[in-house]
Amino acid sequence: MTAGYLPLVAKTDLTIEMVRNLLLMFEVRESDHPVTLELREWGVWAVTAEGVRLFIGATKEMPDHAARESLPN
């Protein structure tokens, strides 16, 4: 590893619609707490400290994948 560089842990491509969904997550909240992004194999979720989850958008097309993946409550 080159000095001064941190290893890449995760990345995703965001569309303008995904950014709008994320912005919505902040607009409807009454607090200024951060929102956690979960990068999963097929998509991105935003999760608040209170456990509210919002699907931000798919990172690749996998139509039947959502039924197989179990997400925390």
PDB file of N, CA and C in Angstrom:
ATOM      1  N   MET A   1       0.840  -1.181   0.000  1.00  0.00           N
ATOM      2  CA  MET A   1       0.000   0.000   0.000  1.00  0.00           C
ATOM      3  C   MET A   1       0.881   1.240   0.000  1.00  0.00           C
ATOM      4  N   THR A   2       0.537   2.200  -0.824  1.00  0.00           N
ATOM      5  CA  THR A   2       1.289   3.435  -0.933  1.00  0.00           C
ATOM      6  C   THR A   2       1.009   4.326   0.272  1.00  0.00           C
ATOM      7  N   ALA A   3       2.028   4.930   0.826  1.00  0.00           N
ATOM      8  CA  ALA A   3       1.856   5.812   1.977  1.00  0.00           C
ATOM      9  C   ALA A   3       0.914   6.961   1.634  1.00  0.00           C
ATOM     10  N   GLY A   4       0.030   7.288   2.560  1.00  0.00           N
ATOM     11  CA  GLY A   4      -0.885   8.398   2.351  1.00  0.00           C
ATOM     12  C   GLY A   4      -2.220   7.999   1.744  1.00  0.00           C
ATOM     13  N   TYR A   5      -2.383   6.748   1.333  1.00  0.00           N
ATOM     14  CA  TYR A   5      -3.633   6.285   0.746  1.00  0.00           C
ATOM     15  C   TYR A   5      -4.300   5.276   1.659  1.00  0.00           C
ATOM     16  N   LEU A   6      -5.580   5.428   1.836  1.00  0.00           N
ATOM     17  CA  LEU A   6      -6.355   4.452   2.590  1.00  0.00           C
ATOM     18  C   LEU A   6      -6.973   3.465   1.617  1.00  0.00           C
ATOM     19  N   PRO A   7      -7.121   2.208   2.013  1.00  0.00           N
ATOM     20  CA  PRO A   7      -7.707   1.221   1.101  1.00  0.00           C
ATOM     21  C   PRO A   7      -9.184   1.521   0.848  1.00  0.00           C
ATOM     22  N   LEU A   8      -9.621   1.249  -0.355  1.00  0.00           N
ATOM     23  CA  LEU A   8     -11.028   1.411  -0.710  1.00  0.00           C
ATOM     24  C   LEU A   8     -11.826   0.307  -0.042  1.00  0.00           C
ATOM     25  N   VAL A   9     -12.872   0.674   0.680  1.00  0.00           N
ATOM     26  CA  VAL A   9     -13.695  -0.300   1.391  1.00  0.00           C
ATOM     27  C   VAL A   9     -14.945  -0.634   0.595  1.00  0.00           C
ATOM     28  N   ALA A  10     -15.609   0.387   0.043  1.00  0.00           N
ATOM     29  CA  ALA A  10     -16.820   0.172  -0.747  1.00  0.00           C
ATOM     30  C   ALA A  10     -17.046   1.385  -1.629  1.00  0.00           C
ATOM     31  N   LYS A  11     -17.736   1.154  -2.731  1.00  0.00           N
ATOM     32  CA  LYS A  11     -18.098   2.276  -3.581  1.00  0.00           C
ATOM     33  C   LYS A  11     -19.370   1.909  -4.340  1.00  0.00           C
ATOM     34  N   THR A  12     -20.057   2.940  -4.829  1.00  0.00           N
ATOM     35  CA  THR A  12     -21.254   2.734  -5.626  1.00  0.00           C
ATOM     36  C   THR A  12     -21.451   3.939  -6.528  1.00  0.00           C
ATOM     37  N   ASP A  13     -22.155   3.743  -7.610  1.00  0.00           N
ATOM     38  CA  ASP A  13     -22.543   4.853  -8.476  1.00  0.00           C
ATOM     39  C   ASP A  13     -23.902   5.357  -8.016  1.00  0.00           C
ATOM     40  N   LEU A  14     -24.043   6.662  -7.874  1.00  0.00           N
ATOM     41  CA  LEU A  14     -25.313   7.257  -7.480  1.00  0.00           C
ATOM     42  C   LEU A  14     -25.902   8.028  -8.650  1.00  0.00           C
ATOM     43  N   THR A  15     -27.184   7.820  -8.886  1.00  0.00           N
ATOM     44  CA  THR A  15     -27.888   8.618  -9.889  1.00  0.00           C
ATOM     45  C   THR A  15     -28.489   9.833  -9.202  1.00  0.00           C
ATOM     46  N   ILE A  16     -28.965  10.779  -9.977  1.00  0.00           N
ATOM     47  CA  ILE A  16     -29.598  11.960  -9.399  1.00  0.00           C
ATOM     48  C   ILE A  16     -30.839  11.565  -8.592  1.00  0.00           C
ATOM     49  N   GLU A  17     -31.565  10.539  -9.020  1.00  0.00           N
ATOM     50  CA  GLU A  17     -32.734  10.070  -8.263  1.00  0.00           C
ATOM     51  C   GLU A  17     -32.327   9.493  -6.910  1.00  0.00           C
ATOM     52  N   MET A  18     -31.204   8.803  -6.873  1.00  0.00           N
ATOM     53  CA  MET A  18     -30.719   8.252  -5.613  1.00  0.00           C
ATOM     54  C   MET A  18     -30.327   9.377  -4.654  1.00  0.00           C
ATOM     55  N   VAL A  19     -29.701  10.409  -5.175  1.00  0.00           N
ATOM     56  CA  VAL A  19     -29.323  11.559  -4.345  1.00  0.00           C
ATOM     57  C   VAL A  19     -30.575  12.253  -3.825  1.00  0.00           C
ATOM     58  N   ARG A  20     -31.600  12.367  -4.658  1.00  0.00           N
ATOM     59  CA  ARG A  20     -32.860  12.976  -4.212  1.00  0.00           C
ATOM     60  C   ARG A  20     -33.497  12.154  -3.094  1.00  0.00           C
ATOM     61  N   ASN A  21     -33.453  10.817  -3.216  1.00  0.00           N
ATOM     62  CA  ASN A  21     -33.995   9.960  -2.161  1.00  0.00           C
ATOM     63  C   ASN A  21     -33.235  10.153  -0.858  1.00  0.00           C
ATOM     64  N   LEU A  22     -31.932  10.264  -0.947  1.00  0.00           N
ATOM     65  CA  LEU A  22     -31.124  10.484   0.247  1.00  0.00           C
ATOM     66  C   LEU A  22     -31.436  11.844   0.872  1.00  0.00           C
ATOM     67  N   LEU A  23     -31.562  12.850   0.048  1.00  0.00           N
ATOM     68  CA  LEU A  23     -31.907  14.182   0.547  1.00  0.00           C
ATOM     69  C   LEU A  23     -33.257  14.160   1.250  1.00  0.00           C
ATOM     70  N   LEU A  24     -34.200  13.397   0.710  1.00  0.00           N
ATOM     71  CA  LEU A  24     -35.515  13.240   1.342  1.00  0.00           C
ATOM     72  C   LEU A  24     -35.379  12.715   2.764  1.00  0.00           C
ATOM     73  N   MET A  25     -34.457  11.795   2.957  1.00  0.00           N
ATOM     74  CA  MET A  25     -34.238  11.215   4.278  1.00  0.00           C
ATOM     75  C   MET A  25     -33.862  12.295   5.289  1.00  0.00           C
ATOM     76  N   PHE A  26     -33.092  13.270   4.862  1.00  0.00           N
ATOM     77  CA  PHE A  26     -32.702  14.364   5.755  1.00  0.00           C
ATOM     78  C   PHE A  26     -33.830  15.374   5.930  1.00  0.00           C
ATOM     79  N   GLU A  27     -34.573  15.637   4.882  1.00  0.00           N
ATOM     80  CA  GLU A  27     -35.613  16.657   4.940  1.00  0.00           C
ATOM     81  C   GLU A  27     -36.757  16.293   5.878  1.00  0.00           C
ATOM     82  N   VAL A  28     -37.097  15.024   5.998  1.00  0.00           N
ATOM     83  CA  VAL A  28     -38.234  14.626   6.827  1.00  0.00           C
ATOM     84  C   VAL A  28     -37.852  14.403   8.287  1.00  0.00           C
ATOM     85  N   ARG A  29     -36.578  14.461   8.596  1.00  0.00           N
ATOM     86  CA  ARG A  29     -36.137  14.241   9.981  1.00  0.00           C
ATOM     87  C   ARG A  29     -36.195  15.529  10.775  1.00  0.00           C
ATOM     88  N   GLU A  30     -36.453  15.393  12.058  1.00  0.00           N
ATOM     89  CA  GLU A  30     -36.515  16.552  12.939  1.00  0.00           C
ATOM     90  C   GLU A  30     -35.207  16.784  13.679  1.00  0.00           C
ATOM     91  N   SER A  31     -34.243  15.929  13.460  1.00  0.00           N
ATOM     92  CA  SER A  31     -32.958  16.081  14.140  1.00  0.00           C
ATOM     93  C   SER A  31     -31.850  16.222  13.105  1.00  0.00           C
ATOM     94  N   ASP A  32     -30.687  16.588  13.578  1.00  0.00           N
ATOM     95  CA  ASP A  32     -29.549  16.727  12.669  1.00  0.00           C
ATOM     96  C   ASP A  32     -28.578  15.558  12.805  1.00  0.00           C
ATOM     97  N   HIS A  33     -29.066  14.416  13.310  1.00  0.00           N
ATOM     98  CA  HIS A  33     -28.223  13.230  13.425  1.00  0.00           C
ATOM     99  C   HIS A  33     -27.872  12.702  12.036  1.00  0.00           C
ATOM    100  N   PRO A  34     -26.733  12.075  11.921  1.00  0.00           N
ATOM    101  CA  PRO A  34     -26.335  11.539  10.610  1.00  0.00           C
ATOM    102  C   PRO A  34     -27.215  10.376  10.169  1.00  0.00           C
ATOM    103  N   VAL A  35     -27.183  10.116   8.895  1.00  0.00           N
ATOM    104  CA  VAL A  35     -27.854   8.968   8.291  1.00  0.00           C
ATOM    105  C   VAL A  35     -26.766   8.002   7.836  1.00  0.00           C
ATOM    106  N   THR A  36     -26.931   6.729   8.136  1.00  0.00           N
ATOM    107  CA  THR A  36     -25.968   5.708   7.747  1.00  0.00           C
ATOM    108  C   THR A  36     -26.341   5.158   6.381  1.00  0.00           C
ATOM    109  N   LEU A  37     -25.360   5.013   5.512  1.00  0.00           N
ATOM    110  CA  LEU A  37     -25.582   4.376   4.218  1.00  0.00           C
ATOM    111  C   LEU A  37     -25.102   2.939   4.293  1.00  0.00           C
ATOM    112  N   GLU A  38     -25.967   2.020   3.863  1.00  0.00           N
ATOM    113  CA  GLU A  38     -25.595   0.615   3.753  1.00  0.00           C
ATOM    114  C   GLU A  38     -25.430   0.293   2.277  1.00  0.00           C
ATOM    115  N   LEU A  39     -24.242  -0.109   1.899  1.00  0.00           N
ATOM    116  CA  LEU A  39     -23.969  -0.511   0.524  1.00  0.00           C
ATOM    117  C   LEU A  39     -24.066  -2.023   0.470  1.00  0.00           C
ATOM    118  N   ARG A  40     -25.084  -2.505  -0.193  1.00  0.00           N
ATOM    119  CA  ARG A  40     -25.299  -3.945  -0.309  1.00  0.00           C
ATOM    120  C   ARG A  40     -24.982  -4.375  -1.735  1.00  0.00           C
ATOM    121  N   GLU A  41     -24.994  -5.674  -1.967  1.00  0.00           N
ATOM    122  CA  GLU A  41     -24.617  -6.202  -3.271  1.00  0.00           C
ATOM    123  C   GLU A  41     -25.410  -5.566  -4.407  1.00  0.00           C
ATOM    124  N   TRP A  42     -26.672  -5.289  -4.174  1.00  0.00           N
ATOM    125  CA  TRP A  42     -27.537  -4.837  -5.268  1.00  0.00           C
ATOM    126  C   TRP A  42     -28.124  -3.449  -5.064  1.00  0.00           C
ATOM    127  N   GLY A  43     -27.857  -2.805  -3.921  1.00  0.00           N
ATOM    128  CA  GLY A  43     -28.456  -1.501  -3.731  1.00  0.00           C
ATOM    129  C   GLY A  43     -27.935  -0.763  -2.510  1.00  0.00           C
ATOM    130  N   VAL A  44     -28.455   0.451  -2.341  1.00  0.00           N
ATOM    131  CA  VAL A  44     -28.049   1.340  -1.255  1.00  0.00           C
ATOM    132  C   VAL A  44     -29.270   1.646  -0.390  1.00  0.00           C
ATOM    133  N   TRP A  45     -29.100   1.542   0.917  1.00  0.00           N
ATOM    134  CA  TRP A  45     -30.140   1.878   1.884  1.00  0.00           C
ATOM    135  C   TRP A  45     -29.633   2.995   2.779  1.00  0.00           C
ATOM    136  N   ALA A  46     -30.529   3.895   3.183  1.00  0.00           N
ATOM    137  CA  ALA A  46     -30.223   4.897   4.203  1.00  0.00           C
ATOM    138  C   ALA A  46     -30.936   4.455   5.473  1.00  0.00           C
ATOM    139  N   VAL A  47     -30.249   4.565   6.617  1.00  0.00           N
ATOM    140  CA  VAL A  47     -30.807   4.126   7.891  1.00  0.00           C
ATOM    141  C   VAL A  47     -30.546   5.204   8.936  1.00  0.00           C
ATOM    142  N   THR A  48     -31.600   5.599   9.648  1.00  0.00           N
ATOM    143  CA  THR A  48     -31.447   6.600  10.709  1.00  0.00           C
ATOM    144  C   THR A  48     -31.061   5.916  12.013  1.00  0.00           C
ATOM    145  N   ALA A  49     -30.648   6.714  12.987  1.00  0.00           N
ATOM    146  CA  ALA A  49     -30.304   6.192  14.304  1.00  0.00           C
ATOM    147  C   ALA A  49     -31.518   5.540  14.963  1.00  0.00           C
ATOM    148  N   GLU A  50     -32.715   5.967  14.559  1.00  0.00           N
ATOM    149  CA  GLU A  50     -33.947   5.408  15.123  1.00  0.00           C
ATOM    150  C   GLU A  50     -34.362   4.116  14.432  1.00  0.00           C
ATOM    151  N   GLY A  51     -33.633   3.717  13.397  1.00  0.00           N
ATOM    152  CA  GLY A  51     -33.925   2.477  12.703  1.00  0.00           C
ATOM    153  C   GLY A  51     -34.833   2.621  11.494  1.00  0.00           C
ATOM    154  N   VAL A  52     -35.146   3.842  11.103  1.00  0.00           N
ATOM    155  CA  VAL A  52     -35.954   4.062   9.901  1.00  0.00           C
ATOM    156  C   VAL A  52     -35.081   3.772   8.693  1.00  0.00           C
ATOM    157  N   ARG A  53     -35.594   2.943   7.769  1.00  0.00           N
ATOM    158  CA  ARG A  53     -34.833   2.537   6.586  1.00  0.00           C
ATOM    159  C   ARG A  53     -35.522   3.063   5.331  1.00  0.00           C
ATOM    160  N   LEU A  54     -34.724   3.543   4.380  1.00  0.00           N
ATOM    161  CA  LEU A  54     -35.240   3.985   3.092  1.00  0.00           C
ATOM    162  C   LEU A  54     -34.333   3.432   2.005  1.00  0.00           C
ATOM    163  N   PHE A  55     -34.947   2.750   1.042  1.00  0.00           N
ATOM    164  CA  PHE A  55     -34.196   2.247  -0.096  1.00  0.00           C
ATOM    165  C   PHE A  55     -33.842   3.432  -0.981  1.00  0.00           C
ATOM    166  N   ILE A  56     -32.562   3.671  -1.180  1.00  0.00           N
ATOM    167  CA  ILE A  56     -32.094   4.805  -1.970  1.00  0.00           C
ATOM    168  C   ILE A  56     -32.100   4.463  -3.452  1.00  0.00           C
ATOM    169  N   GLY A  57     -31.674   3.265  -3.806  1.00  0.00           N
ATOM    170  CA  GLY A  57     -31.700   2.874  -5.203  1.00  0.00           C
ATOM    171  C   GLY A  57     -30.849   1.648  -5.469  1.00  0.00           C
ATOM    172  N   ALA A  58     -31.120   1.012  -6.606  1.00  0.00           N
ATOM    173  CA  ALA A  58     -30.402  -0.193  -7.002  1.00  0.00           C
ATOM    174  C   ALA A  58     -29.066   0.175  -7.629  1.00  0.00           C
ATOM    175  N   THR A  59     -28.061  -0.618  -7.339  1.00  0.00           N
ATOM    176  CA  THR A  59     -26.758  -0.409  -7.951  1.00  0.00           C
ATOM    177  C   THR A  59     -26.571  -1.284  -9.176  1.00  0.00           C
ATOM    178  N   LYS A  60     -27.376  -2.340  -9.280  1.00  0.00           N
ATOM    179  CA  LYS A  60     -27.396  -3.150 -10.486  1.00  0.00           C
ATOM    180  C   LYS A  60     -28.733  -3.883 -10.530  1.00  0.00           C
ATOM    181  N   GLU A  61     -29.121  -4.301 -11.698  1.00  0.00           N
ATOM    182  CA  GLU A  61     -30.425  -4.919 -11.877  1.00  0.00           C
ATOM    183  C   GLU A  61     -30.394  -6.376 -11.452  1.00  0.00           C
ATOM    184  N   MET A  62     -31.131  -6.693 -10.417  1.00  0.00           N
ATOM    185  CA  MET A  62     -31.275  -8.056  -9.918  1.00  0.00           C
ATOM    186  C   MET A  62     -32.704  -8.183  -9.399  1.00  0.00           C
ATOM    187  N   PRO A  63     -33.684  -8.325 -10.263  1.00  0.00           N
ATOM    188  CA  PRO A  63     -35.093  -8.219  -9.882  1.00  0.00           C
ATOM    189  C   PRO A  63     -35.568  -9.159  -8.790  1.00  0.00           C
ATOM    190  N   ASP A  64     -35.051 -10.373  -8.703  1.00  0.00           N
ATOM    191  CA  ASP A  64     -35.535 -11.282  -7.682  1.00  0.00           C
ATOM    192  C   ASP A  64     -34.626 -11.342  -6.456  1.00  0.00           C
ATOM    193  N   HIS A  65     -33.596 -10.529  -6.435  1.00  0.00           N
ATOM    194  CA  HIS A  65     -32.635 -10.575  -5.342  1.00  0.00           C
ATOM    195  C   HIS A  65     -33.221 -10.060  -4.036  1.00  0.00           C
ATOM    196  N   ALA A  66     -34.095  -9.064  -4.091  1.00  0.00           N
ATOM    197  CA  ALA A  66     -34.647  -8.462  -2.885  1.00  0.00           C
ATOM    198  C   ALA A  66     -35.381  -9.499  -2.043  1.00  0.00           C
ATOM    199  N   ALA A  67     -36.019 -10.446  -2.667  1.00  0.00           N
ATOM    200  CA  ALA A  67     -36.762 -11.471  -1.939  1.00  0.00           C
ATOM    201  C   ALA A  67     -35.813 -12.421  -1.201  1.00  0.00           C
ATOM    202  N   ARG A  68     -34.591 -12.570  -1.667  1.00  0.00           N
ATOM    203  CA  ARG A  68     -33.649 -13.505  -1.045  1.00  0.00           C
ATOM    204  C   ARG A  68     -32.839 -12.881   0.075  1.00  0.00           C
ATOM    205  N   GLU A  69     -32.667 -11.569   0.039  1.00  0.00           N
ATOM    206  CA  GLU A  69     -31.814 -10.927   1.029  1.00  0.00           C
ATOM    207  C   GLU A  69     -32.619 -10.581   2.269  1.00  0.00           C
ATOM    208  N   SER A  70     -32.135 -10.988   3.424  1.00  0.00           N
ATOM    209  CA  SER A  70     -32.829 -10.625   4.665  1.00  0.00           C
ATOM    210  C   SER A  70     -32.169  -9.384   5.241  1.00  0.00           C
ATOM    211  N   LEU A  71     -32.979  -8.416   5.592  1.00  0.00           N
ATOM    212  CA  LEU A  71     -32.489  -7.175   6.165  1.00  0.00           C
ATOM    213  C   LEU A  71     -32.890  -7.115   7.631  1.00  0.00           C
ATOM    214  N   PRO A  72     -32.093  -6.453   8.464  1.00  0.00           N
ATOM    215  CA  PRO A  72     -32.452  -6.335   9.878  1.00  0.00           C
ATOM    216  C   PRO A  72     -33.741  -5.533  10.033  1.00  0.00           C
ATOM    217  N   ASN A  73     -34.489  -5.827  11.092  1.00  0.00           N
ATOM    218  CA  ASN A  73     -35.735  -5.091  11.363  1.00  0.00           C
ATOM    219  C   ASN A  73     -35.453  -3.714  11.882  1.00  0.00           C
TER     220      ASN A  73
END
